[in-house]
Amino acid sequence: MTDKLVQLGVVLTDRGSKYAVSGAAVTSRDGVNAVLDRLKSDRSYAKATHNTWAAVLPTGGLKADDGEAGAGMVILRMMEREGLTDHVIIVTRWYGGKKLGGDRFRRVQDAVRAYFEHCKSD
């Protein structure tokens, strides 16, 4: 099953787009699905433009872009560099009407860094 779901809420905005980050301890794909279901039980997260995620499990890394091409790999690589295992991190984006181009990857990185900082101070 899953540990408690940590939701930091909106951690940054860029040209109208809002980014939130969430995560939880998981050890299986079923655990990832349970966390995603729990997150999306909140209507605002369910209606978000993207819920991009990555997880490092005992069986290896998993990721999903949810329409934000390449963002899952950004999260996965950051988790691997940080050595964070048995965990899922979800970066949620509510599109603000303006394309961000390559800056969208920087915003995903910023959101994941905010999550890491929260975990270190917790």
PDB file of N, CA and C in Angstrom:
ATOM      1  N   MET A   1       0.848  -1.184   0.000  1.00  0.00           N
ATOM      2  CA  MET A   1       0.000   0.000   0.000  1.00  0.00           C
ATOM      3  C   MET A   1       0.885   1.236   0.000  1.00  0.00           C
ATOM      4  N   THR A   2       0.346   2.376   0.359  1.00  0.00           N
ATOM      5  CA  THR A   2       1.085   3.625   0.285  1.00  0.00           C
ATOM      6  C   THR A   2       1.194   4.278   1.650  1.00  0.00           C
ATOM      7  N   ASP A   3       2.259   5.000   1.818  1.00  0.00           N
ATOM      8  CA  ASP A   3       2.399   5.874   2.967  1.00  0.00           C
ATOM      9  C   ASP A   3       1.512   7.076   2.737  1.00  0.00           C
ATOM     10  N   LYS A   4       1.584   8.035   3.610  1.00  0.00           N
ATOM     11  CA  LYS A   4       0.739   9.212   3.422  1.00  0.00           C
ATOM     12  C   LYS A   4       1.134   9.975   2.165  1.00  0.00           C
ATOM     13  N   LEU A   5       0.143  10.514   1.521  1.00  0.00           N
ATOM     14  CA  LEU A   5       0.343  11.325   0.326  1.00  0.00           C
ATOM     15  C   LEU A   5       0.738  12.726   0.767  1.00  0.00           C
ATOM     16  N   VAL A   6       1.876  13.187   0.287  1.00  0.00           N
ATOM     17  CA  VAL A   6       2.347  14.531   0.584  1.00  0.00           C
ATOM     18  C   VAL A   6       1.972  15.419  -0.596  1.00  0.00           C
ATOM     19  N   GLN A   7       1.157  16.439  -0.341  1.00  0.00           N
ATOM     20  CA  GLN A   7       0.754  17.381  -1.386  1.00  0.00           C
ATOM     21  C   GLN A   7       1.240  18.764  -0.991  1.00  0.00           C
ATOM     22  N   LEU A   8       2.151  19.311  -1.789  1.00  0.00           N
ATOM     23  CA  LEU A   8       2.651  20.651  -1.495  1.00  0.00           C
ATOM     24  C   LEU A   8       1.780  21.726  -2.119  1.00  0.00           C
ATOM     25  N   GLY A   9       0.827  21.336  -2.939  1.00  0.00           N
ATOM     26  CA  GLY A   9      -0.017  22.328  -3.593  1.00  0.00           C
ATOM     27  C   GLY A   9       0.763  23.086  -4.650  1.00  0.00           C
ATOM     28  N   VAL A  10       0.265  24.242  -5.031  1.00  0.00           N
ATOM     29  CA  VAL A  10       0.915  25.035  -6.088  1.00  0.00           C
ATOM     30  C   VAL A  10       2.214  25.602  -5.537  1.00  0.00           C
ATOM     31  N   VAL A  11       3.335  25.216  -6.159  1.00  0.00           N
ATOM     32  CA  VAL A  11       4.647  25.669  -5.700  1.00  0.00           C
ATOM     33  C   VAL A  11       5.224  26.759  -6.598  1.00  0.00           C
ATOM     34  N   LEU A  12       4.683  26.923  -7.815  1.00  0.00           N
ATOM     35  CA  LEU A  12       5.156  27.980  -8.694  1.00  0.00           C
ATOM     36  C   LEU A  12       4.181  28.214  -9.827  1.00  0.00           C
ATOM     37  N   THR A  13       4.295  29.388 -10.423  1.00  0.00           N
ATOM     38  CA  THR A  13       3.495  29.722 -11.594  1.00  0.00           C
ATOM     39  C   THR A  13       4.416  30.315 -12.653  1.00  0.00           C
ATOM     40  N   ASP A  14       4.046  30.140 -13.902  1.00  0.00           N
ATOM     41  CA  ASP A  14       4.812  30.693 -15.018  1.00  0.00           C
ATOM     42  C   ASP A  14       3.842  30.989 -16.159  1.00  0.00           C
ATOM     43  N   ARG A  15       3.713  32.257 -16.520  1.00  0.00           N
ATOM     44  CA  ARG A  15       2.849  32.684 -17.618  1.00  0.00           C
ATOM     45  C   ARG A  15       1.446  32.088 -17.539  1.00  0.00           C
ATOM     46  N   GLY A  16       0.929  32.062 -16.334  1.00  0.00           N
ATOM     47  CA  GLY A  16      -0.434  31.583 -16.136  1.00  0.00           C
ATOM     48  C   GLY A  16      -0.542  30.110 -15.776  1.00  0.00           C
ATOM     49  N   SER A  17       0.459  29.305 -16.147  1.00  0.00           N
ATOM     50  CA  SER A  17       0.436  27.893 -15.762  1.00  0.00           C
ATOM     51  C   SER A  17       0.809  27.767 -14.294  1.00  0.00           C
ATOM     52  N   LYS A  18       0.104  26.861 -13.611  1.00  0.00           N
ATOM     53  CA  LYS A  18       0.390  26.592 -12.204  1.00  0.00           C
ATOM     54  C   LYS A  18       0.931  25.180 -12.072  1.00  0.00           C
ATOM     55  N   TYR A  19       1.932  25.039 -11.209  1.00  0.00           N
ATOM     56  CA  TYR A  19       2.544  23.743 -10.968  1.00  0.00           C
ATOM     57  C   TYR A  19       2.422  23.360  -9.502  1.00  0.00           C
ATOM     58  N   ALA A  20       1.997  22.127  -9.259  1.00  0.00           N
ATOM     59  CA  ALA A  20       1.944  21.562  -7.915  1.00  0.00           C
ATOM     60  C   ALA A  20       2.776  20.284  -7.922  1.00  0.00           C
ATOM     61  N   VAL A  21       3.209  19.873  -6.748  1.00  0.00           N
ATOM     62  CA  VAL A  21       3.973  18.626  -6.652  1.00  0.00           C
ATOM     63  C   VAL A  21       3.459  17.821  -5.468  1.00  0.00           C
ATOM     64  N   SER A  22       3.413  16.507  -5.672  1.00  0.00           N
ATOM     65  CA  SER A  22       2.930  15.576  -4.654  1.00  0.00           C
ATOM     66  C   SER A  22       3.797  14.325  -4.712  1.00  0.00           C
ATOM     67  N   GLY A  23       3.711  13.510  -3.685  1.00  0.00           N
ATOM     68  CA  GLY A  23       4.458  12.256  -3.704  1.00  0.00           C
ATOM     69  C   GLY A  23       4.100  11.373  -2.533  1.00  0.00           C
ATOM     70  N   ALA A  24       4.573  10.135  -2.612  1.00  0.00           N
ATOM     71  CA  ALA A  24       4.323   9.161  -1.543  1.00  0.00           C
ATOM     72  C   ALA A  24       5.285   7.992  -1.696  1.00  0.00           C
ATOM     73  N   ALA A  25       5.476   7.299  -0.611  1.00  0.00           N
ATOM     74  CA  ALA A  25       6.265   6.069  -0.648  1.00  0.00           C
ATOM     75  C   ALA A  25       5.425   4.971  -1.287  1.00  0.00           C
ATOM     76  N   VAL A  26       6.010   4.253  -2.236  1.00  0.00           N
ATOM     77  CA  VAL A  26       5.347   3.131  -2.903  1.00  0.00           C
ATOM     78  C   VAL A  26       6.384   2.048  -3.192  1.00  0.00           C
ATOM     79  N   THR A  27       5.916   0.815  -3.354  1.00  0.00           N
ATOM     80  CA  THR A  27       6.840  -0.272  -3.689  1.00  0.00           C
ATOM     81  C   THR A  27       6.383  -1.082  -4.891  1.00  0.00           C
ATOM     82  N   SER A  28       5.269  -0.655  -5.536  1.00  0.00           N
ATOM     83  CA  SER A  28       4.751  -1.402  -6.678  1.00  0.00           C
ATOM     84  C   SER A  28       3.965  -0.482  -7.601  1.00  0.00           C
ATOM     85  N   ARG A  29       3.678  -0.979  -8.799  1.00  0.00           N
ATOM     86  CA  ARG A  29       2.853  -0.215  -9.739  1.00  0.00           C
ATOM     87  C   ARG A  29       1.442  -0.030  -9.174  1.00  0.00           C
ATOM     88  N   ASP A  30       0.945  -1.041  -8.464  1.00  0.00           N
ATOM     89  CA  ASP A  30      -0.364  -0.902  -7.829  1.00  0.00           C
ATOM     90  C   ASP A  30      -0.354   0.246  -6.820  1.00  0.00           C
ATOM     91  N   GLY A  31       0.758   0.386  -6.105  1.00  0.00           N
ATOM     92  CA  GLY A  31       0.897   1.495  -5.164  1.00  0.00           C
ATOM     93  C   GLY A  31       0.884   2.838  -5.872  1.00  0.00           C
ATOM     94  N   VAL A  32       1.570   2.916  -7.024  1.00  0.00           N
ATOM     95  CA  VAL A  32       1.563   4.142  -7.829  1.00  0.00           C
ATOM     96  C   VAL A  32       0.128   4.471  -8.243  1.00  0.00           C
ATOM     97  N   ASN A  33      -0.588   3.468  -8.737  1.00  0.00           N
ATOM     98  CA  ASN A  33      -1.975   3.682  -9.164  1.00  0.00           C
ATOM     99  C   ASN A  33      -2.856   4.149  -8.013  1.00  0.00           C
ATOM    100  N   ALA A  34      -2.631   3.579  -6.826  1.00  0.00           N
ATOM    101  CA  ALA A  34      -3.419   3.979  -5.657  1.00  0.00           C
ATOM    102  C   ALA A  34      -3.153   5.442  -5.297  1.00  0.00           C
ATOM    103  N   VAL A  35      -1.898   5.868  -5.378  1.00  0.00           N
ATOM    104  CA  VAL A  35      -1.551   7.263  -5.081  1.00  0.00           C
ATOM    105  C   VAL A  35      -2.187   8.188  -6.115  1.00  0.00           C
ATOM    106  N   LEU A  36      -2.087   7.819  -7.386  1.00  0.00           N
ATOM    107  CA  LEU A  36      -2.701   8.643  -8.438  1.00  0.00           C
ATOM    108  C   LEU A  36      -4.213   8.741  -8.250  1.00  0.00           C
ATOM    109  N   ASP A  37      -4.843   7.633  -7.906  1.00  0.00           N
ATOM    110  CA  ASP A  37      -6.291   7.641  -7.665  1.00  0.00           C
ATOM    111  C   ASP A  37      -6.636   8.555  -6.495  1.00  0.00           C
ATOM    112  N   ARG A  38      -5.821   8.480  -5.440  1.00  0.00           N
ATOM    113  CA  ARG A  38      -6.066   9.311  -4.269  1.00  0.00           C
ATOM    114  C   ARG A  38      -5.898  10.786  -4.610  1.00  0.00           C
ATOM    115  N   LEU A  39      -4.856  11.106  -5.366  1.00  0.00           N
ATOM    116  CA  LEU A  39      -4.613  12.493  -5.765  1.00  0.00           C
ATOM    117  C   LEU A  39      -5.768  13.011  -6.620  1.00  0.00           C
ATOM    118  N   LYS A  40      -6.189  12.191  -7.576  1.00  0.00           N
ATOM    119  CA  LYS A  40      -7.250  12.616  -8.501  1.00  0.00           C
ATOM    120  C   LYS A  40      -8.639  12.559  -7.877  1.00  0.00           C
ATOM    121  N   SER A  41      -8.740  12.067  -6.657  1.00  0.00           N
ATOM    122  CA  SER A  41     -10.023  12.146  -5.972  1.00  0.00           C
ATOM    123  C   SER A  41     -10.329  13.608  -5.611  1.00  0.00           C
ATOM    124  N   ASP A  42      -9.302  14.439  -5.619  1.00  0.00           N
ATOM    125  CA  ASP A  42      -9.474  15.891  -5.491  1.00  0.00           C
ATOM    126  C   ASP A  42      -9.799  16.410  -6.888  1.00  0.00           C
ATOM    127  N   ARG A  43     -10.963  16.981  -7.026  1.00  0.00           N
ATOM    128  CA  ARG A  43     -11.469  17.413  -8.339  1.00  0.00           C
ATOM    129  C   ARG A  43     -10.484  18.308  -9.102  1.00  0.00           C
ATOM    130  N   SER A  44      -9.806  19.206  -8.407  1.00  0.00           N
ATOM    131  CA  SER A  44      -8.898  20.120  -9.113  1.00  0.00           C
ATOM    132  C   SER A  44      -7.724  19.361  -9.740  1.00  0.00           C
ATOM    133  N   TYR A  45      -7.239  18.314  -9.075  1.00  0.00           N
ATOM    134  CA  TYR A  45      -6.157  17.509  -9.648  1.00  0.00           C
ATOM    135  C   TYR A  45      -6.678  16.638 -10.788  1.00  0.00           C
ATOM    136  N   ALA A  46      -7.883  16.139 -10.639  1.00  0.00           N
ATOM    137  CA  ALA A  46      -8.491  15.316 -11.691  1.00  0.00           C
ATOM    138  C   ALA A  46      -8.674  16.129 -12.968  1.00  0.00           C
ATOM    139  N   LYS A  47      -8.953  17.429 -12.835  1.00  0.00           N
ATOM    140  CA  LYS A  47      -9.192  18.284 -13.995  1.00  0.00           C
ATOM    141  C   LYS A  47      -7.918  18.980 -14.496  1.00  0.00           C
ATOM    142  N   ALA A  48      -6.777  18.725 -13.867  1.00  0.00           N
ATOM    143  CA  ALA A  48      -5.521  19.357 -14.283  1.00  0.00           C
ATOM    144  C   ALA A  48      -5.173  18.947 -15.718  1.00  0.00           C
ATOM    145  N   THR A  49      -4.411  19.791 -16.382  1.00  0.00           N
ATOM    146  CA  THR A  49      -3.992  19.499 -17.749  1.00  0.00           C
ATOM    147  C   THR A  49      -3.069  18.289 -17.790  1.00  0.00           C
ATOM    148  N   HIS A  50      -2.122  18.219 -16.851  1.00  0.00           N
ATOM    149  CA  HIS A  50      -1.155  17.113 -16.805  1.00  0.00           C
ATOM    150  C   HIS A  50      -0.906  16.699 -15.358  1.00  0.00           C
ATOM    151  N   ASN A  51      -0.851  15.397 -15.130  1.00  0.00           N
ATOM    152  CA  ASN A  51      -0.356  14.814 -13.885  1.00  0.00           C
ATOM    153  C   ASN A  51       0.793  13.890 -14.280  1.00  0.00           C
ATOM    154  N   THR A  52       1.952  14.490 -14.471  1.00  0.00           N
ATOM    155  CA  THR A  52       3.143  13.756 -14.896  1.00  0.00           C
ATOM    156  C   THR A  52       3.792  13.127 -13.674  1.00  0.00           C
ATOM    157  N   TRP A  53       4.277  11.889 -13.814  1.00  0.00           N
ATOM    158  CA  TRP A  53       4.861  11.235 -12.645  1.00  0.00           C
ATOM    159  C   TRP A  53       6.020  10.321 -13.015  1.00  0.00           C
ATOM    160  N   ALA A  54       6.798  10.002 -11.984  1.00  0.00           N
ATOM    161  CA  ALA A  54       7.848   8.986 -12.102  1.00  0.00           C
ATOM    162  C   ALA A  54       7.962   8.288 -10.752  1.00  0.00           C
ATOM    163  N   ALA A  55       8.405   7.047 -10.806  1.00  0.00           N
ATOM    164  CA  ALA A  55       8.594   6.250  -9.596  1.00  0.00           C
ATOM    165  C   ALA A  55       9.833   5.390  -9.758  1.00  0.00           C
ATOM    166  N   VAL A  56      10.575   5.238  -8.674  1.00  0.00           N
ATOM    167  CA  VAL A  56      11.698   4.300  -8.649  1.00  0.00           C
ATOM    168  C   VAL A  56      11.290   3.198  -7.686  1.00  0.00           C
ATOM    169  N   LEU A  57      11.037   2.017  -8.255  1.00  0.00           N
ATOM    170  CA  LEU A  57      10.549   0.867  -7.510  1.00  0.00           C
ATOM    171  C   LEU A  57      11.631  -0.204  -7.441  1.00  0.00           C
ATOM    172  N   PRO A  58      11.435  -1.226  -6.610  1.00  0.00           N
ATOM    173  CA  PRO A  58      12.409  -2.324  -6.576  1.00  0.00           C
ATOM    174  C   PRO A  58      12.619  -2.973  -7.955  1.00  0.00           C
ATOM    175  N   THR A  59      11.595  -2.903  -8.821  1.00  0.00           N
ATOM    176  CA  THR A  59      11.686  -3.497 -10.157  1.00  0.00           C
ATOM    177  C   THR A  59      12.280  -2.539 -11.192  1.00  0.00           C
ATOM    178  N   GLY A  60      12.549  -1.291 -10.795  1.00  0.00           N
ATOM    179  CA  GLY A  60      13.129  -0.313 -11.723  1.00  0.00           C
ATOM    180  C   GLY A  60      12.299   0.950 -11.790  1.00  0.00           C
ATOM    181  N   GLY A  61      12.676   1.817 -12.716  1.00  0.00           N
ATOM    182  CA  GLY A  61      12.004   3.098 -12.856  1.00  0.00           C
ATOM    183  C   GLY A  61      10.801   3.018 -13.781  1.00  0.00           C
ATOM    184  N   LEU A  62       9.760   3.758 -13.438  1.00  0.00           N
ATOM    185  CA  LEU A  62       8.566   3.895 -14.268  1.00  0.00           C
ATOM    186  C   LEU A  62       8.277   5.381 -14.410  1.00  0.00           C
ATOM    187  N   LYS A  63       7.612   5.748 -15.512  1.00  0.00           N
ATOM    188  CA  LYS A  63       7.267   7.153 -15.716  1.00  0.00           C
ATOM    189  C   LYS A  63       6.069   7.257 -16.640  1.00  0.00           C
ATOM    190  N   ALA A  64       5.381   8.381 -16.554  1.00  0.00           N
ATOM    191  CA  ALA A  64       4.283   8.676 -17.469  1.00  0.00           C
ATOM    192  C   ALA A  64       4.223  10.182 -17.653  1.00  0.00           C
ATOM    193  N   ASP A  65       4.120  10.606 -18.908  1.00  0.00           N
ATOM    194  CA  ASP A  65       4.120  12.029 -19.243  1.00  0.00           C
ATOM    195  C   ASP A  65       2.745  12.674 -19.161  1.00  0.00           C
ATOM    196  N   ASP A  66       1.686  11.907 -19.280  1.00  0.00           N
ATOM    197  CA  ASP A  66       0.316  12.429 -19.259  1.00  0.00           C
ATOM    198  C   ASP A  66       0.165  13.640 -20.181  1.00  0.00           C
ATOM    199  N   GLY A  67       0.726  13.519 -21.386  1.00  0.00           N
ATOM    200  CA  GLY A  67       0.597  14.577 -22.383  1.00  0.00           C
ATOM    201  C   GLY A  67       1.670  15.643 -22.337  1.00  0.00           C
ATOM    202  N   GLU A  68       2.501  15.654 -21.317  1.00  0.00           N
ATOM    203  CA  GLU A  68       3.596  16.638 -21.190  1.00  0.00           C
ATOM    204  C   GLU A  68       4.883  15.936 -21.606  1.00  0.00           C
ATOM    205  N   ALA A  69       5.053  15.759 -22.926  1.00  0.00           N
ATOM    206  CA  ALA A  69       6.117  14.923 -23.492  1.00  0.00           C
ATOM    207  C   ALA A  69       7.485  15.201 -22.878  1.00  0.00           C
ATOM    208  N   GLY A  70       8.101  14.137 -22.355  1.00  0.00           N
ATOM    209  CA  GLY A  70       9.453  14.206 -21.806  1.00  0.00           C
ATOM    210  C   GLY A  70       9.532  14.552 -20.334  1.00  0.00           C
ATOM    211  N   ALA A  71       8.448  15.009 -19.750  1.00  0.00           N
ATOM    212  CA  ALA A  71       8.488  15.462 -18.359  1.00  0.00           C
ATOM    213  C   ALA A  71       8.679  14.302 -17.373  1.00  0.00           C
ATOM    214  N   GLY A  72       8.105  13.141 -17.673  1.00  0.00           N
ATOM    215  CA  GLY A  72       8.274  11.988 -16.787  1.00  0.00           C
ATOM    216  C   GLY A  72       9.727  11.587 -16.657  1.00  0.00           C
ATOM    217  N   MET A  73      10.467  11.659 -17.766  1.00  0.00           N
ATOM    218  CA  MET A  73      11.892  11.315 -17.740  1.00  0.00           C
ATOM    219  C   MET A  73      12.676  12.326 -16.905  1.00  0.00           C
ATOM    220  N   VAL A  74      12.297  13.593 -16.960  1.00  0.00           N
ATOM    221  CA  VAL A  74      12.961  14.617 -16.142  1.00  0.00           C
ATOM    222  C   VAL A  74      12.811  14.265 -14.660  1.00  0.00           C
ATOM    223  N   ILE A  75      11.603  13.908 -14.246  1.00  0.00           N
ATOM    224  CA  ILE A  75      11.357  13.547 -12.848  1.00  0.00           C
ATOM    225  C   ILE A  75      12.145  12.294 -12.480  1.00  0.00           C
ATOM    226  N   LEU A  76      12.103  11.280 -13.343  1.00  0.00           N
ATOM    227  CA  LEU A  76      12.791  10.022 -13.070  1.00  0.00           C
ATOM    228  C   LEU A  76      14.296  10.231 -12.902  1.00  0.00           C
ATOM    229  N   ARG A  77      14.906  10.992 -13.801  1.00  0.00           N
ATOM    230  CA  ARG A  77      16.364  11.238 -13.713  1.00  0.00           C
ATOM    231  C   ARG A  77      16.721  11.979 -12.425  1.00  0.00           C
ATOM    232  N   MET A  78      15.889  12.938 -12.042  1.00  0.00           N
ATOM    233  CA  MET A  78      16.158  13.673 -10.796  1.00  0.00           C
ATOM    234  C   MET A  78      16.059  12.749  -9.586  1.00  0.00           C
ATOM    235  N   MET A  79      15.083  11.858  -9.589  1.00  0.00           N
ATOM    236  CA  MET A  79      14.932  10.911  -8.482  1.00  0.00           C
ATOM    237  C   MET A  79      16.131   9.972  -8.411  1.00  0.00           C
ATOM    238  N   GLU A  80      16.581   9.513  -9.571  1.00  0.00           N
ATOM    239  CA  GLU A  80      17.737   8.607  -9.607  1.00  0.00           C
ATOM    240  C   GLU A  80      18.990   9.319  -9.095  1.00  0.00           C
ATOM    241  N   ARG A  81      19.202  10.563  -9.528  1.00  0.00           N
ATOM    242  CA  ARG A  81      20.371  11.319  -9.049  1.00  0.00           C
ATOM    243  C   ARG A  81      20.306  11.559  -7.545  1.00  0.00           C
ATOM    244  N   GLU A  82      19.104  11.785  -7.032  1.00  0.00           N
ATOM    245  CA  GLU A  82      18.908  12.041  -5.606  1.00  0.00           C
ATOM    246  C   GLU A  82      18.996  10.751  -4.783  1.00  0.00           C
ATOM    247  N   GLY A  83      18.879   9.596  -5.465  1.00  0.00           N
ATOM    248  CA  GLY A  83      18.903   8.311  -4.773  1.00  0.00           C
ATOM    249  C   GLY A  83      17.595   8.005  -4.053  1.00  0.00           C
ATOM    250  N   LEU A  84      16.507   8.622  -4.500  1.00  0.00           N
ATOM    251  CA  LEU A  84      15.195   8.418  -3.885  1.00  0.00           C
ATOM    252  C   LEU A  84      14.537   7.196  -4.512  1.00  0.00           C
ATOM    253  N   THR A  85      14.353   6.147  -3.716  1.00  0.00           N
ATOM    254  CA  THR A  85      13.754   4.910  -4.215  1.00  0.00           C
ATOM    255  C   THR A  85      12.467   4.617  -3.458  1.00  0.00           C
ATOM    256  N   ASP A  86      11.700   3.665  -3.989  1.00  0.00           N
ATOM    257  CA  ASP A  86      10.429   3.261  -3.379  1.00  0.00           C
ATOM    258  C   ASP A  86       9.534   4.473  -3.151  1.00  0.00           C
ATOM    259  N   HIS A  87       9.399   5.274  -4.203  1.00  0.00           N
ATOM    260  CA  HIS A  87       8.692   6.547  -4.090  1.00  0.00           C
ATOM    261  C   HIS A  87       8.113   6.928  -5.447  1.00  0.00           C
ATOM    262  N   VAL A  88       7.018   7.679  -5.426  1.00  0.00           N
ATOM    263  CA  VAL A  88       6.466   8.270  -6.643  1.00  0.00           C
ATOM    264  C   VAL A  88       6.380   9.778  -6.420  1.00  0.00           C
ATOM    265  N   ILE A  89       6.728  10.545  -7.446  1.00  0.00           N
ATOM    266  CA  ILE A  89       6.564  11.996  -7.423  1.00  0.00           C
ATOM    267  C   ILE A  89       5.687  12.374  -8.608  1.00  0.00           C
ATOM    268  N   ILE A  90       4.672  13.189  -8.336  1.00  0.00           N
ATOM    269  CA  ILE A  90       3.742  13.647  -9.371  1.00  0.00           C
ATOM    270  C   ILE A  90       3.836  15.162  -9.474  1.00  0.00           C
ATOM    271  N   VAL A  91       4.098  15.654 -10.687  1.00  0.00           N
ATOM    272  CA  VAL A  91       4.077  17.092 -10.941  1.00  0.00           C
ATOM    273  C   VAL A  91       2.804  17.383 -11.730  1.00  0.00           C
ATOM    274  N   THR A  92       1.964  18.220 -11.153  1.00  0.00           N
ATOM    275  CA  THR A  92       0.677  18.572 -11.754  1.00  0.00           C
ATOM    276  C   THR A  92       0.788  19.953 -12.380  1.00  0.00           C
ATOM    277  N   ARG A  93       0.253  20.087 -13.603  1.00  0.00           N
ATOM    278  CA  ARG A  93       0.243  21.383 -14.275  1.00  0.00           C
ATOM    279  C   ARG A  93      -1.176  21.722 -14.717  1.00  0.00           C
ATOM    280  N   TRP A  94      -1.558  22.932 -14.390  1.00  0.00           N
ATOM    281  CA  TRP A  94      -2.784  23.505 -14.923  1.00  0.00           C
ATOM    282  C   TRP A  94      -2.342  24.520 -15.968  1.00  0.00           C
ATOM    283  N   TYR A  95      -2.629  24.246 -17.226  1.00  0.00           N
ATOM    284  CA  TYR A  95      -2.178  25.087 -18.340  1.00  0.00           C
ATOM    285  C   TYR A  95      -2.785  26.477 -18.246  1.00  0.00           C
ATOM    286  N   GLY A  96      -1.941  27.484 -18.443  1.00  0.00           N
ATOM    287  CA  GLY A  96      -2.379  28.864 -18.284  1.00  0.00           C
ATOM    288  C   GLY A  96      -2.647  29.611 -19.560  1.00  0.00           C
ATOM    289  N   GLY A  97      -2.578  28.929 -20.713  1.00  0.00           N
ATOM    290  CA  GLY A  97      -2.919  29.588 -21.968  1.00  0.00           C
ATOM    291  C   GLY A  97      -1.741  30.009 -22.824  1.00  0.00           C
ATOM    292  N   LYS A  98      -0.525  29.964 -22.255  1.00  0.00           N
ATOM    293  CA  LYS A  98       0.659  30.330 -23.041  1.00  0.00           C
ATOM    294  C   LYS A  98       1.642  29.166 -23.032  1.00  0.00           C
ATOM    295  N   LYS A  99       2.147  28.820 -24.214  1.00  0.00           N
ATOM    296  CA  LYS A  99       3.132  27.741 -24.318  1.00  0.00           C
ATOM    297  C   LYS A  99       4.434  28.183 -23.670  1.00  0.00           C
ATOM    298  N   LEU A 100       5.069  27.260 -22.943  1.00  0.00           N
ATOM    299  CA  LEU A 100       6.301  27.576 -22.228  1.00  0.00           C
ATOM    300  C   LEU A 100       7.545  27.083 -22.946  1.00  0.00           C
ATOM    301  N   GLY A 101       7.368  26.287 -23.998  1.00  0.00           N
ATOM    302  CA  GLY A 101       8.531  25.749 -24.706  1.00  0.00           C
ATOM    303  C   GLY A 101       9.399  24.943 -23.750  1.00  0.00           C
ATOM    304  N   GLY A 102      10.707  25.091 -23.878  1.00  0.00           N
ATOM    305  CA  GLY A 102      11.653  24.357 -23.040  1.00  0.00           C
ATOM    306  C   GLY A 102      11.586  24.740 -21.571  1.00  0.00           C
ATOM    307  N   ASP A 103      11.024  25.913 -21.279  1.00  0.00           N
ATOM    308  CA  ASP A 103      10.909  26.331 -19.880  1.00  0.00           C
ATOM    309  C   ASP A 103      10.027  25.385 -19.070  1.00  0.00           C
ATOM    310  N   ARG A 104       9.140  24.641 -19.753  1.00  0.00           N
ATOM    311  CA  ARG A 104       8.273  23.722 -19.007  1.00  0.00           C
ATOM    312  C   ARG A 104       9.096  22.663 -18.286  1.00  0.00           C
ATOM    313  N   PHE A 105      10.243  22.261 -18.848  1.00  0.00           N
ATOM    314  CA  PHE A 105      11.108  21.286 -18.166  1.00  0.00           C
ATOM    315  C   PHE A 105      11.760  21.917 -16.937  1.00  0.00           C
ATOM    316  N   ARG A 106      12.126  23.187 -17.038  1.00  0.00           N
ATOM    317  CA  ARG A 106      12.695  23.881 -15.883  1.00  0.00           C
ATOM    318  C   ARG A 106      11.663  23.991 -14.758  1.00  0.00           C
ATOM    319  N   ARG A 107      10.410  24.233 -15.107  1.00  0.00           N
ATOM    320  CA  ARG A 107       9.368  24.319 -14.084  1.00  0.00           C
ATOM    321  C   ARG A 107       9.135  22.955 -13.428  1.00  0.00           C
ATOM    322  N   VAL A 108       9.201  21.879 -14.211  1.00  0.00           N
ATOM    323  CA  VAL A 108       9.083  20.529 -13.637  1.00  0.00           C
ATOM    324  C   VAL A 108      10.244  20.298 -12.673  1.00  0.00           C
ATOM    325  N   GLN A 109      11.453  20.673 -13.084  1.00  0.00           N
ATOM    326  CA  GLN A 109      12.620  20.525 -12.202  1.00  0.00           C
ATOM    327  C   GLN A 109      12.445  21.340 -10.924  1.00  0.00           C
ATOM    328  N   ASP A 110      11.961  22.567 -11.058  1.00  0.00           N
ATOM    329  CA  ASP A 110      11.743  23.420  -9.885  1.00  0.00           C
ATOM    330  C   ASP A 110      10.749  22.778  -8.924  1.00  0.00           C
ATOM    331  N   ALA A 111       9.686  22.191  -9.456  1.00  0.00           N
ATOM    332  CA  ALA A 111       8.679  21.544  -8.614  1.00  0.00           C
ATOM    333  C   ALA A 111       9.275  20.335  -7.886  1.00  0.00           C
ATOM    334  N   VAL A 112      10.056  19.526  -8.606  1.00  0.00           N
ATOM    335  CA  VAL A 112      10.675  18.347  -7.979  1.00  0.00           C
ATOM    336  C   VAL A 112      11.670  18.787  -6.909  1.00  0.00           C
ATOM    337  N   ARG A 113      12.429  19.833  -7.183  1.00  0.00           N
ATOM    338  CA  ARG A 113      13.370  20.351  -6.164  1.00  0.00           C
ATOM    339  C   ARG A 113      12.615  20.802  -4.911  1.00  0.00           C
ATOM    340  N   ALA A 114      11.468  21.437  -5.095  1.00  0.00           N
ATOM    341  CA  ALA A 114      10.653  21.856  -3.943  1.00  0.00           C
ATOM    342  C   ALA A 114      10.237  20.637  -3.123  1.00  0.00           C
ATOM    343  N   TYR A 115       9.914  19.546  -3.802  1.00  0.00           N
ATOM    344  CA  TYR A 115       9.531  18.315  -3.104  1.00  0.00           C
ATOM    345  C   TYR A 115      10.722  17.754  -2.322  1.00  0.00           C
ATOM    346  N   PHE A 116      11.888  17.719  -2.965  1.00  0.00           N
ATOM    347  CA  PHE A 116      13.103  17.230  -2.276  1.00  0.00           C
ATOM    348  C   PHE A 116      13.377  18.067  -1.027  1.00  0.00           C
ATOM    349  N   GLU A 117      13.284  19.388  -1.172  1.00  0.00           N
ATOM    350  CA  GLU A 117      13.535  20.273  -0.042  1.00  0.00           C
ATOM    351  C   GLU A 117      12.535  20.012   1.092  1.00  0.00           C
ATOM    352  N   HIS A 118      11.290  19.814   0.743  1.00  0.00           N
ATOM    353  CA  HIS A 118      10.271  19.522   1.741  1.00  0.00           C
ATOM    354  C   HIS A 118      10.611  18.218   2.468  1.00  0.00           C
ATOM    355  N   CYS A 119      11.031  17.203   1.727  1.00  0.00           N
ATOM    356  CA  CYS A 119      11.366  15.904   2.334  1.00  0.00           C
ATOM    357  C   CYS A 119      12.562  16.019   3.267  1.00  0.00           C
ATOM    358  N   LYS A 120      13.526  16.844   2.892  1.00  0.00           N
ATOM    359  CA  LYS A 120      14.724  17.011   3.736  1.00  0.00           C
ATOM    360  C   LYS A 120      14.409  17.757   5.018  1.00  0.00           C
ATOM    361  N   SER A 121      13.446  18.677   4.959  1.00  0.00           N
ATOM    362  CA  SER A 121      13.127  19.470   6.149  1.00  0.00           C
ATOM    363  C   SER A 121      12.074  18.801   7.016  1.00  0.00           C
ATOM    364  N   ASP A 122      11.435  17.764   6.493  1.00  0.00           N
ATOM    365  CA  ASP A 122      10.356  17.083   7.199  1.00  0.00           C
ATOM    366  C   ASP A 122      10.859  16.205   8.314  1.00  0.00           C
TER     367      ASP A 122
END
